[in-house]
Amino acid sequence: RDRINTELILAPARSLWNVGLSRILGPNLEISAEVINLTDDRTYDVVQFPLPGRTWQLTASLNK
């Protein structure tokens, strides 16, 4: 959290789990799904701003 990472303002350890998969559906189409923060851990960033809980994401990609 600072340039020399002193113990006084050291961020606590944490583990956030993400899971995702993708599938090619044709020559030009790919679908992806992802769950970010799978365990819905309520955590904070380095300035104590709350991070989002479990987030779902779905993506479709068209390739040329």
N, C-alpha and C. Protein backbone atom coordinates (compact mmCIF):
# COMPACT_ATOMS: atom_id res chain seq x y z
N ARG A 1 0.81 -1.20 0.00
CA ARG A 1 0.00 0.00 0.00
C ARG A 1 0.84 1.25 0.00
N ASP A 2 2.11 1.12 0.26
CA ASP A 2 3.01 2.24 0.10
C ASP A 2 4.25 1.76 -0.65
N ARG A 3 5.12 2.68 -0.95
CA ARG A 3 6.26 2.35 -1.81
C ARG A 3 7.17 1.28 -1.22
N ILE A 4 7.33 1.27 0.11
CA ILE A 4 8.22 0.29 0.72
C ILE A 4 7.46 -0.83 1.42
N ASN A 5 6.12 -0.82 1.37
CA ASN A 5 5.27 -1.89 1.90
C ASN A 5 5.52 -2.15 3.39
N THR A 6 5.43 -1.09 4.19
CA THR A 6 5.67 -1.21 5.62
C THR A 6 4.57 -2.02 6.30
N GLU A 7 4.90 -2.66 7.42
CA GLU A 7 3.95 -3.49 8.16
C GLU A 7 2.78 -2.69 8.69
N LEU A 8 2.99 -1.43 9.02
CA LEU A 8 1.95 -0.60 9.63
C LEU A 8 0.73 -0.47 8.74
N ILE A 9 0.93 -0.33 7.45
CA ILE A 9 -0.20 -0.16 6.54
C ILE A 9 -0.27 -1.27 5.50
N LEU A 10 0.20 -2.44 5.87
CA LEU A 10 0.19 -3.60 4.98
C LEU A 10 -1.25 -4.09 4.78
N ALA A 11 -1.64 -4.33 3.57
CA ALA A 11 -2.98 -4.85 3.27
C ALA A 11 -3.08 -6.30 3.75
N PRO A 12 -4.24 -6.69 4.32
CA PRO A 12 -4.39 -8.07 4.77
C PRO A 12 -4.42 -9.05 3.59
N ALA A 13 -3.98 -10.27 3.85
CA ALA A 13 -4.00 -11.31 2.81
C ALA A 13 -5.44 -11.70 2.50
N ARG A 14 -5.70 -12.05 1.25
CA ARG A 14 -7.04 -12.49 0.86
C ARG A 14 -6.93 -13.34 -0.40
N SER A 15 -7.94 -14.17 -0.60
CA SER A 15 -8.03 -14.98 -1.80
C SER A 15 -9.42 -14.80 -2.39
N LEU A 16 -9.47 -14.39 -3.64
CA LEU A 16 -10.74 -14.27 -4.34
C LEU A 16 -10.73 -15.31 -5.46
N TRP A 17 -11.79 -16.10 -5.53
CA TRP A 17 -11.88 -17.18 -6.51
C TRP A 17 -12.78 -16.77 -7.67
N ASN A 18 -12.29 -16.96 -8.88
CA ASN A 18 -13.04 -16.72 -10.10
C ASN A 18 -13.14 -18.03 -10.88
N VAL A 19 -14.21 -18.20 -11.62
CA VAL A 19 -14.36 -19.38 -12.46
C VAL A 19 -15.03 -18.95 -13.77
N GLY A 20 -14.60 -19.55 -14.86
CA GLY A 20 -15.17 -19.19 -16.15
C GLY A 20 -15.02 -20.31 -17.16
N LEU A 21 -15.79 -20.20 -18.22
CA LEU A 21 -15.69 -21.15 -19.32
C LEU A 21 -16.10 -20.46 -20.60
N SER A 22 -15.64 -21.03 -21.69
CA SER A 22 -16.01 -20.48 -23.00
C SER A 22 -16.26 -21.64 -23.95
N ARG A 23 -17.05 -21.35 -24.97
CA ARG A 23 -17.43 -22.37 -25.95
C ARG A 23 -17.48 -21.73 -27.33
N ILE A 24 -16.84 -22.36 -28.29
CA ILE A 24 -16.93 -21.91 -29.68
C ILE A 24 -18.15 -22.56 -30.30
N LEU A 25 -19.08 -21.74 -30.80
CA LEU A 25 -20.34 -22.25 -31.33
C LEU A 25 -20.39 -22.32 -32.84
N GLY A 26 -19.43 -21.77 -33.48
CA GLY A 26 -19.38 -21.80 -34.93
C GLY A 26 -18.06 -21.21 -35.38
N PRO A 27 -17.88 -21.05 -36.68
CA PRO A 27 -16.59 -20.54 -37.16
C PRO A 27 -16.30 -19.12 -36.70
N ASN A 28 -17.33 -18.34 -36.37
CA ASN A 28 -17.12 -16.94 -36.02
C ASN A 28 -17.73 -16.53 -34.68
N LEU A 29 -18.26 -17.46 -33.89
CA LEU A 29 -18.97 -17.11 -32.66
C LEU A 29 -18.41 -17.86 -31.45
N GLU A 30 -18.10 -17.10 -30.41
CA GLU A 30 -17.64 -17.69 -29.15
C GLU A 30 -18.46 -17.08 -28.00
N ILE A 31 -18.93 -17.92 -27.09
CA ILE A 31 -19.69 -17.50 -25.91
C ILE A 31 -18.84 -17.79 -24.67
N SER A 32 -18.77 -16.84 -23.75
CA SER A 32 -18.01 -17.02 -22.50
C SER A 32 -18.88 -16.63 -21.32
N ALA A 33 -18.73 -17.34 -20.20
CA ALA A 33 -19.42 -17.02 -18.96
C ALA A 33 -18.38 -17.06 -17.83
N GLU A 34 -18.51 -16.13 -16.88
CA GLU A 34 -17.55 -16.06 -15.79
C GLU A 34 -18.26 -15.61 -14.52
N VAL A 35 -17.86 -16.19 -13.40
CA VAL A 35 -18.30 -15.74 -12.09
C VAL A 35 -17.08 -15.19 -11.38
N ILE A 36 -17.12 -13.92 -11.01
CA ILE A 36 -16.02 -13.26 -10.33
C ILE A 36 -16.36 -13.19 -8.85
N ASN A 37 -15.41 -13.50 -7.99
CA ASN A 37 -15.60 -13.56 -6.54
C ASN A 37 -16.66 -14.62 -6.22
N LEU A 38 -16.38 -15.82 -6.61
CA LEU A 38 -17.30 -16.95 -6.50
C LEU A 38 -17.85 -17.14 -5.08
N THR A 39 -17.03 -16.96 -4.07
CA THR A 39 -17.45 -17.19 -2.69
C THR A 39 -18.15 -15.98 -2.06
N ASP A 40 -18.36 -14.92 -2.83
CA ASP A 40 -19.05 -13.71 -2.38
C ASP A 40 -18.37 -13.11 -1.14
N ASP A 41 -17.03 -13.07 -1.17
CA ASP A 41 -16.24 -12.53 -0.07
C ASP A 41 -16.38 -11.01 -0.04
N ARG A 42 -16.79 -10.46 1.10
CA ARG A 42 -16.90 -9.01 1.27
C ARG A 42 -15.53 -8.49 1.68
N THR A 43 -14.84 -7.85 0.75
CA THR A 43 -13.49 -7.37 1.00
C THR A 43 -13.36 -5.93 0.53
N TYR A 44 -12.22 -5.32 0.84
CA TYR A 44 -11.99 -3.91 0.57
C TYR A 44 -10.68 -3.75 -0.18
N ASP A 45 -10.59 -2.65 -0.95
CA ASP A 45 -9.33 -2.37 -1.64
C ASP A 45 -8.38 -1.68 -0.67
N VAL A 46 -7.28 -1.17 -1.19
CA VAL A 46 -6.23 -0.63 -0.32
C VAL A 46 -6.62 0.65 0.41
N VAL A 47 -7.63 1.36 -0.04
CA VAL A 47 -8.08 2.57 0.67
C VAL A 47 -9.42 2.34 1.35
N GLN A 48 -9.73 1.07 1.66
CA GLN A 48 -10.92 0.66 2.39
C GLN A 48 -12.23 0.92 1.65
N PHE A 49 -12.18 0.97 0.32
CA PHE A 49 -13.39 1.07 -0.49
C PHE A 49 -13.89 -0.35 -0.73
N PRO A 50 -15.18 -0.64 -0.47
CA PRO A 50 -15.67 -2.02 -0.64
C PRO A 50 -15.64 -2.47 -2.10
N LEU A 51 -15.17 -3.69 -2.31
CA LEU A 51 -15.17 -4.30 -3.63
C LEU A 51 -16.49 -5.02 -3.86
N PRO A 52 -16.90 -5.21 -5.11
CA PRO A 52 -18.16 -5.89 -5.36
C PRO A 52 -18.16 -7.34 -4.87
N GLY A 53 -19.33 -7.84 -4.54
CA GLY A 53 -19.47 -9.24 -4.16
C GLY A 53 -19.46 -10.10 -5.41
N ARG A 54 -20.19 -11.20 -5.39
CA ARG A 54 -20.25 -12.11 -6.53
C ARG A 54 -20.80 -11.38 -7.75
N THR A 55 -20.10 -11.53 -8.87
CA THR A 55 -20.48 -10.87 -10.12
C THR A 55 -20.53 -11.90 -11.24
N TRP A 56 -21.58 -11.86 -12.03
CA TRP A 56 -21.75 -12.76 -13.18
C TRP A 56 -21.48 -11.97 -14.46
N GLN A 57 -20.80 -12.61 -15.41
CA GLN A 57 -20.49 -11.96 -16.67
C GLN A 57 -20.70 -12.93 -17.82
N LEU A 58 -21.40 -12.49 -18.86
CA LEU A 58 -21.64 -13.29 -20.05
C LEU A 58 -21.18 -12.47 -21.25
N THR A 59 -20.40 -13.10 -22.13
CA THR A 59 -19.84 -12.39 -23.29
C THR A 59 -20.05 -13.21 -24.56
N ALA A 60 -20.39 -12.54 -25.63
CA ALA A 60 -20.46 -13.15 -26.95
C ALA A 60 -19.47 -12.41 -27.85
N SER A 61 -18.66 -13.16 -28.59
CA SER A 61 -17.65 -12.57 -29.47
C SER A 61 -17.85 -13.05 -30.89
N LEU A 62 -17.84 -12.12 -31.80
CA LEU A 62 -17.88 -12.42 -33.23
C LEU A 62 -16.49 -12.17 -33.81
N ASN A 63 -15.92 -13.16 -34.47
CA ASN A 63 -14.60 -13.05 -35.05
C ASN A 63 -14.71 -13.02 -36.56
N LYS A 64 -13.83 -12.27 -37.21
CA LYS A 64 -13.84 -12.18 -38.66
C LYS A 64 -13.10 -13.31 -39.29
